[in-house]
Amino acid sequence: MDKRKIVITGGPGTGKTSVINHLKGQGYHCFDEIIRLLTSEAKKEVDTSNHISNPIVFAKDPLEFNTRLLNGRIEQFNSANALEEHTCFFDRGIPDVLAYMDYFNQPYDSVFENACSNHNYSKVFLLPPWKAIYKTDSARFETYEELEQIHKCLKSTYKAFGYTIIEVPFGCVDTRTSFILNKL
C-alpha cells in the first residue's frame, strides 16, 4: 500500500510548525523543516548584523545551498517509504525549494524541476498569511508584505506541478489540525 505523504506548507510564520508539532503530539510521524539548520550553518560564514530578508544570501554559493536543501527534502521524502505508518506529514515539500528560488529570482535547472515531478505528495495543505500571528525571529527575516508574495509563489509552484491545494483556514492550532485530518 502506498504511503500518504502530506505536505503542510505556507510562507514563514503562518503556523506550519505549530500544526506539525500538534500532529506529532497526536502520534503522527512528521518530518521537520530543514531550512533553519541550513540557514544557521550558512550564517556562521558571514556577518549577519544587517537585516537581510533572504536567508539564502548567507550562503557563499546559493545554488549549492538550494541543492543541499533540495537533497534534504528528497531524502525525507524517500525515508517516508520505510515508515511503518501509512500517513506522514512534511513541514514543507520539495516544490517549496523552487517557489523560494522563483521568489528570489534565482535560476534553477531541470534537476530541480525533475525532483518535483518525480516525487509526488498525496495532498498539499497551504497555510495562508495571517497578520495576527506573524512575527519575525532569528531565522525569519521577511516582512509581512514579503510573506504575501512568498505565498503566491508557493501556490503557483504547487499548481504548476499539478497539485490541488487545500487552503487551511485561520483558527487555533487544534482547529487547523482537525481541518487537515478531516480532509484526509
C-alpha atoms as a PDB file:
ATOM      1  CA  MET A   1       0.000   0.000   0.000  1.00  0.00           C
ATOM      2  CA  ASP A   2       1.316   3.455  -0.895  1.00  0.00           C
ATOM      3  CA  LYS A   3       2.191   5.876   1.833  1.00  0.00           C
ATOM      4  CA  ARG A   4       0.126   9.005   2.224  1.00  0.00           C
ATOM      5  CA  LYS A   5       2.686  11.790   2.132  1.00  0.00           C
ATOM      6  CA  ILE A   6       1.070  15.027   3.210  1.00  0.00           C
ATOM      7  CA  VAL A   7       2.719  18.443   2.811  1.00  0.00           C
ATOM      8  CA  ILE A   8       1.932  21.313   5.115  1.00  0.00           C
ATOM      9  CA  THR A   9       3.325  24.445   3.530  1.00  0.00           C
ATOM     10  CA  GLY A  10       2.959  28.195   3.623  1.00  0.00           C
ATOM     11  CA  GLY A  11       5.089  31.249   3.963  1.00  0.00           C
ATOM     12  CA  PRO A  12       7.154  31.889   7.071  1.00  0.00           C
ATOM     13  CA  GLY A  13       5.201  32.494  10.253  1.00  0.00           C
ATOM     14  CA  THR A  14       1.890  31.042   9.070  1.00  0.00           C
ATOM     15  CA  GLY A  15       1.697  28.336  11.741  1.00  0.00           C
ATOM     16  CA  LYS A  16       3.101  25.315   9.878  1.00  0.00           C
ATOM     17  CA  THR A  17       5.456  24.174  12.594  1.00  0.00           C
ATOM     18  CA  SER A  18       2.799  24.587  15.290  1.00  0.00           C
ATOM     19  CA  VAL A  19       0.472  22.329  13.294  1.00  0.00           C
ATOM     20  CA  ILE A  20       3.290  19.822  12.687  1.00  0.00           C
ATOM     21  CA  ASN A  21       4.098  19.755  16.412  1.00  0.00           C
ATOM     22  CA  HIS A  22       0.412  19.219  17.212  1.00  0.00           C
ATOM     23  CA  LEU A  23       0.276  16.315  14.757  1.00  0.00           C
ATOM     24  CA  LYS A  24       3.369  14.821  16.416  1.00  0.00           C
ATOM     25  CA  GLY A  25       1.583  15.099  19.747  1.00  0.00           C
ATOM     26  CA  GLN A  26      -1.254  13.047  18.276  1.00  0.00           C
ATOM     27  CA  GLY A  27       1.182  10.304  17.287  1.00  0.00           C
ATOM     28  CA  TYR A  28       1.716  11.102  13.604  1.00  0.00           C
ATOM     29  CA  HIS A  29       5.145  10.823  12.040  1.00  0.00           C
ATOM     30  CA  CYS A  30       6.220  14.277  10.867  1.00  0.00           C
ATOM     31  CA  PHE A  31       9.313  15.419   9.033  1.00  0.00           C
ATOM     32  CA  ASP A  32      10.627  18.722  10.358  1.00  0.00           C
ATOM     33  CA  GLU A  33      11.595  21.713   8.244  1.00  0.00           C
ATOM     34  CA  ILE A  34      15.304  21.567   7.476  1.00  0.00           C
ATOM     35  CA  ILE A  35      15.919  25.149   6.300  1.00  0.00           C
ATOM     36  CA  ARG A  36      16.635  26.507   9.801  1.00  0.00           C
ATOM     37  CA  LEU A  37      19.560  24.116  10.259  1.00  0.00           C
ATOM     38  CA  LEU A  38      20.988  25.011   6.851  1.00  0.00           C
ATOM     39  CA  THR A  39      20.473  28.726   7.462  1.00  0.00           C
ATOM     40  CA  SER A  40      22.193  28.514  10.852  1.00  0.00           C
ATOM     41  CA  GLU A  41      25.175  26.805   9.234  1.00  0.00           C
ATOM     42  CA  ALA A  42      25.343  29.408   6.442  1.00  0.00           C
ATOM     43  CA  LYS A  43      25.086  32.316   8.898  1.00  0.00           C
ATOM     44  CA  LYS A  44      28.347  31.202  10.515  1.00  0.00           C
ATOM     45  CA  GLU A  45      30.129  32.124   7.275  1.00  0.00           C
ATOM     46  CA  VAL A  46      29.160  35.831   7.107  1.00  0.00           C
ATOM     47  CA  ASP A  47      28.387  38.935   9.181  1.00  0.00           C
ATOM     48  CA  THR A  48      24.628  38.935   9.720  1.00  0.00           C
ATOM     49  CA  SER A  49      24.370  42.117  11.766  1.00  0.00           C
ATOM     50  CA  ASN A  50      22.390  43.835   8.991  1.00  0.00           C
ATOM     51  CA  HIS A  51      18.775  42.859   8.321  1.00  0.00           C
ATOM     52  CA  ILE A  52      18.631  40.604   5.292  1.00  0.00           C
ATOM     53  CA  SER A  53      15.279  39.189   4.198  1.00  0.00           C
ATOM     54  CA  ASN A  54      16.709  36.358   2.113  1.00  0.00           C
ATOM     55  CA  PRO A  55      18.465  33.728   4.238  1.00  0.00           C
ATOM     56  CA  ILE A  56      19.971  32.277   1.056  1.00  0.00           C
ATOM     57  CA  VAL A  57      22.312  35.287   0.861  1.00  0.00           C
ATOM     58  CA  PHE A  58      24.044  33.963   3.958  1.00  0.00           C
ATOM     59  CA  ALA A  59      25.365  31.147   1.794  1.00  0.00           C
ATOM     60  CA  LYS A  60      28.552  31.678  -0.155  1.00  0.00           C
ATOM     61  CA  ASP A  61      27.005  29.672  -3.010  1.00  0.00           C
ATOM     62  CA  PRO A  62      23.173  29.995  -3.177  1.00  0.00           C
ATOM     63  CA  LEU A  63      22.839  27.236  -5.788  1.00  0.00           C
ATOM     64  CA  GLU A  64      24.812  24.837  -3.605  1.00  0.00           C
ATOM     65  CA  PHE A  65      22.695  25.850  -0.595  1.00  0.00           C
ATOM     66  CA  ASN A  66      19.468  25.207  -2.538  1.00  0.00           C
ATOM     67  CA  THR A  67      20.846  21.921  -3.869  1.00  0.00           C
ATOM     68  CA  ARG A  68      21.538  20.801  -0.288  1.00  0.00           C
ATOM     69  CA  LEU A  69      18.028  21.859   0.691  1.00  0.00           C
ATOM     70  CA  LEU A  70      16.541  20.003  -2.279  1.00  0.00           C
ATOM     71  CA  ASN A  71      18.541  16.863  -1.476  1.00  0.00           C
ATOM     72  CA  GLY A  72      17.487  17.037   2.174  1.00  0.00           C
ATOM     73  CA  ARG A  73      13.830  17.204   1.205  1.00  0.00           C
ATOM     74  CA  ILE A  74      14.252  14.331  -1.270  1.00  0.00           C
ATOM     75  CA  GLU A  75      15.907  12.301   1.494  1.00  0.00           C
ATOM     76  CA  GLN A  76      12.942  12.996   3.787  1.00  0.00           C
ATOM     77  CA  PHE A  77      10.511  12.009   1.021  1.00  0.00           C
ATOM     78  CA  ASN A  78      12.327   8.737   0.335  1.00  0.00           C
ATOM     79  CA  SER A  79      12.770   7.847   4.006  1.00  0.00           C
ATOM     80  CA  ALA A  80       8.979   8.015   4.426  1.00  0.00           C
ATOM     81  CA  ASN A  81       8.769   4.788   2.405  1.00  0.00           C
ATOM     82  CA  ALA A  82      10.466   2.883   5.227  1.00  0.00           C
ATOM     83  CA  LEU A  83       7.997   4.033   7.876  1.00  0.00           C
ATOM     84  CA  GLU A  84       5.501   1.646   9.392  1.00  0.00           C
ATOM     85  CA  GLU A  85       2.921   4.412   9.487  1.00  0.00           C
ATOM     86  CA  HIS A  86       0.634   4.754   6.478  1.00  0.00           C
ATOM     87  CA  THR A  87       0.351   8.549   6.769  1.00  0.00           C
ATOM     88  CA  CYS A  88       3.157  11.020   7.371  1.00  0.00           C
ATOM     89  CA  PHE A  89       3.449  14.785   7.237  1.00  0.00           C
ATOM     90  CA  PHE A  90       6.144  17.113   5.920  1.00  0.00           C
ATOM     91  CA  ASP A  91       6.854  20.647   7.152  1.00  0.00           C
ATOM     92  CA  ARG A  92       7.327  21.895   3.562  1.00  0.00           C
ATOM     93  CA  GLY A  93       7.777  19.831   0.437  1.00  0.00           C
ATOM     94  CA  ILE A  94      10.215  19.617  -2.430  1.00  0.00           C
ATOM     95  CA  PRO A  95       8.379  22.242  -4.569  1.00  0.00           C
ATOM     96  CA  ASP A  96       8.952  24.807  -1.797  1.00  0.00           C
ATOM     97  CA  VAL A  97      12.592  24.985  -2.905  1.00  0.00           C
ATOM     98  CA  LEU A  98      11.563  26.114  -6.399  1.00  0.00           C
ATOM     99  CA  ALA A  99       8.935  28.505  -5.060  1.00  0.00           C
ATOM    100  CA  TYR A 100      11.534  30.306  -2.973  1.00  0.00           C
ATOM    101  CA  MET A 101      14.025  30.313  -5.817  1.00  0.00           C
ATOM    102  CA  ASP A 102      11.320  31.871  -8.001  1.00  0.00           C
ATOM    103  CA  TYR A 103      10.554  34.445  -5.325  1.00  0.00           C
ATOM    104  CA  PHE A 104      14.223  35.436  -5.083  1.00  0.00           C
ATOM    105  CA  ASN A 105      14.732  35.293  -8.872  1.00  0.00           C
ATOM    106  CA  GLN A 106      17.331  32.552  -8.570  1.00  0.00           C
ATOM    107  CA  PRO A 107      17.812  30.349 -11.628  1.00  0.00           C
ATOM    108  CA  TYR A 108      17.489  26.576 -11.465  1.00  0.00           C
ATOM    109  CA  ASP A 109      17.777  23.788 -13.976  1.00  0.00           C
ATOM    110  CA  SER A 110      15.880  20.620 -14.802  1.00  0.00           C
ATOM    111  CA  VAL A 111      17.377  18.810 -11.802  1.00  0.00           C
ATOM    112  CA  PHE A 112      15.158  20.931  -9.550  1.00  0.00           C
ATOM    113  CA  GLU A 113      12.095  20.558 -11.779  1.00  0.00           C
ATOM    114  CA  ASN A 114      12.591  16.799 -12.141  1.00  0.00           C
ATOM    115  CA  ALA A 115      12.843  16.424  -8.381  1.00  0.00           C
ATOM    116  CA  CYS A 116       9.368  17.946  -8.098  1.00  0.00           C
ATOM    117  CA  SER A 117       7.949  15.886 -10.953  1.00  0.00           C
ATOM    118  CA  ASN A 118       9.407  12.604  -9.683  1.00  0.00           C
ATOM    119  CA  HIS A 119       8.425  12.901  -6.016  1.00  0.00           C
ATOM    120  CA  ASN A 120       4.675  13.250  -5.648  1.00  0.00           C
ATOM    121  CA  TYR A 121       2.852  14.005  -2.445  1.00  0.00           C
ATOM    122  CA  SER A 122      -0.669  12.763  -1.723  1.00  0.00           C
ATOM    123  CA  LYS A 123      -2.060  16.108  -0.583  1.00  0.00           C
ATOM    124  CA  VAL A 124      -0.858  19.661  -0.110  1.00  0.00           C
ATOM    125  CA  PHE A 125      -2.210  21.927   2.626  1.00  0.00           C
ATOM    126  CA  LEU A 126      -1.341  25.614   2.331  1.00  0.00           C
ATOM    127  CA  LEU A 127      -1.489  27.909   5.343  1.00  0.00           C
ATOM    128  CA  PRO A 128      -2.162  31.488   4.192  1.00  0.00           C
ATOM    129  CA  PRO A 129      -0.544  34.648   5.546  1.00  0.00           C
ATOM    130  CA  TRP A 130      -2.139  35.614   8.857  1.00  0.00           C
ATOM    131  CA  LYS A 131      -1.116  39.016  10.136  1.00  0.00           C
ATOM    132  CA  ALA A 132      -2.400  38.360  13.666  1.00  0.00           C
ATOM    133  CA  ILE A 133       0.170  35.608  14.295  1.00  0.00           C
ATOM    134  CA  TYR A 134       3.063  36.753  12.110  1.00  0.00           C
ATOM    135  CA  LYS A 135       6.335  37.734  13.795  1.00  0.00           C
ATOM    136  CA  THR A 136       9.988  37.737  12.840  1.00  0.00           C
ATOM    137  CA  ASP A 137      12.709  35.869  14.706  1.00  0.00           C
ATOM    138  CA  SER A 138      16.397  34.954  14.396  1.00  0.00           C
ATOM    139  CA  ALA A 139      15.712  32.798  11.337  1.00  0.00           C
ATOM    140  CA  ARG A 140      12.638  34.585   9.910  1.00  0.00           C
ATOM    141  CA  PHE A 141      13.507  37.900   8.292  1.00  0.00           C
ATOM    142  CA  GLU A 142      10.681  38.515   5.833  1.00  0.00           C
ATOM    143  CA  THR A 143       8.274  41.411   6.168  1.00  0.00           C
ATOM    144  CA  TYR A 144       4.564  40.636   6.088  1.00  0.00           C
ATOM    145  CA  GLU A 145       4.407  42.004   2.540  1.00  0.00           C
ATOM    146  CA  GLU A 146       7.224  39.639   1.505  1.00  0.00           C
ATOM    147  CA  LEU A 147       5.303  36.801   3.154  1.00  0.00           C
ATOM    148  CA  GLU A 148       2.310  37.570   0.934  1.00  0.00           C
ATOM    149  CA  GLN A 149       4.499  37.341  -2.187  1.00  0.00           C
ATOM    150  CA  ILE A 150       6.053  34.075  -0.999  1.00  0.00           C
ATOM    151  CA  HIS A 151       2.535  32.710  -0.503  1.00  0.00           C
ATOM    152  CA  LYS A 152       1.742  33.496  -4.146  1.00  0.00           C
ATOM    153  CA  CYS A 153       4.936  31.764  -5.304  1.00  0.00           C
ATOM    154  CA  LEU A 154       4.164  28.669  -3.243  1.00  0.00           C
ATOM    155  CA  LYS A 155       0.646  28.499  -4.604  1.00  0.00           C
ATOM    156  CA  SER A 156       1.701  28.902  -8.227  1.00  0.00           C
ATOM    157  CA  THR A 157       4.596  26.418  -7.928  1.00  0.00           C
ATOM    158  CA  TYR A 158       2.463  23.650  -6.444  1.00  0.00           C
ATOM    159  CA  LYS A 159      -0.250  24.297  -9.041  1.00  0.00           C
ATOM    160  CA  ALA A 160       2.373  24.152 -11.819  1.00  0.00           C
ATOM    161  CA  PHE A 161       3.217  20.611 -10.688  1.00  0.00           C
ATOM    162  CA  GLY A 162      -0.439  19.568 -10.799  1.00  0.00           C
ATOM    163  CA  TYR A 163      -1.377  19.706  -7.139  1.00  0.00           C
ATOM    164  CA  THR A 164      -4.808  20.616  -5.875  1.00  0.00           C
ATOM    165  CA  ILE A 165      -4.071  22.929  -2.975  1.00  0.00           C
ATOM    166  CA  ILE A 166      -6.205  22.782   0.148  1.00  0.00           C
ATOM    167  CA  GLU A 167      -6.059  26.112   1.941  1.00  0.00           C
ATOM    168  CA  VAL A 168      -6.202  25.814   5.726  1.00  0.00           C
ATOM    169  CA  PRO A 169      -8.493  28.402   7.353  1.00  0.00           C
ATOM    170  CA  PHE A 170      -7.409  30.581  10.250  1.00  0.00           C
ATOM    171  CA  GLY A 171      -8.042  29.195  13.716  1.00  0.00           C
ATOM    172  CA  CYS A 172      -6.309  27.788  16.746  1.00  0.00           C
ATOM    173  CA  VAL A 173      -3.774  25.017  16.220  1.00  0.00           C
ATOM    174  CA  ASP A 174      -6.271  22.333  17.239  1.00  0.00           C
ATOM    175  CA  THR A 175      -8.883  23.634  14.787  1.00  0.00           C
ATOM    176  CA  ARG A 176      -6.385  23.818  11.932  1.00  0.00           C
ATOM    177  CA  THR A 177      -5.051  20.346  12.684  1.00  0.00           C
ATOM    178  CA  SER A 178      -8.584  18.930  12.809  1.00  0.00           C
ATOM    179  CA  PHE A 179      -9.363  20.576   9.472  1.00  0.00           C
ATOM    180  CA  ILE A 180      -6.357  18.853   7.901  1.00  0.00           C
ATOM    181  CA  LEU A 181      -7.149  15.456   9.389  1.00  0.00           C
ATOM    182  CA  ASN A 182     -10.800  15.719   8.322  1.00  0.00           C
ATOM    183  CA  LYS A 183      -9.718  16.428   4.727  1.00  0.00           C
ATOM    184  CA  LEU A 184      -7.719  13.190   4.643  1.00  0.00           C
END
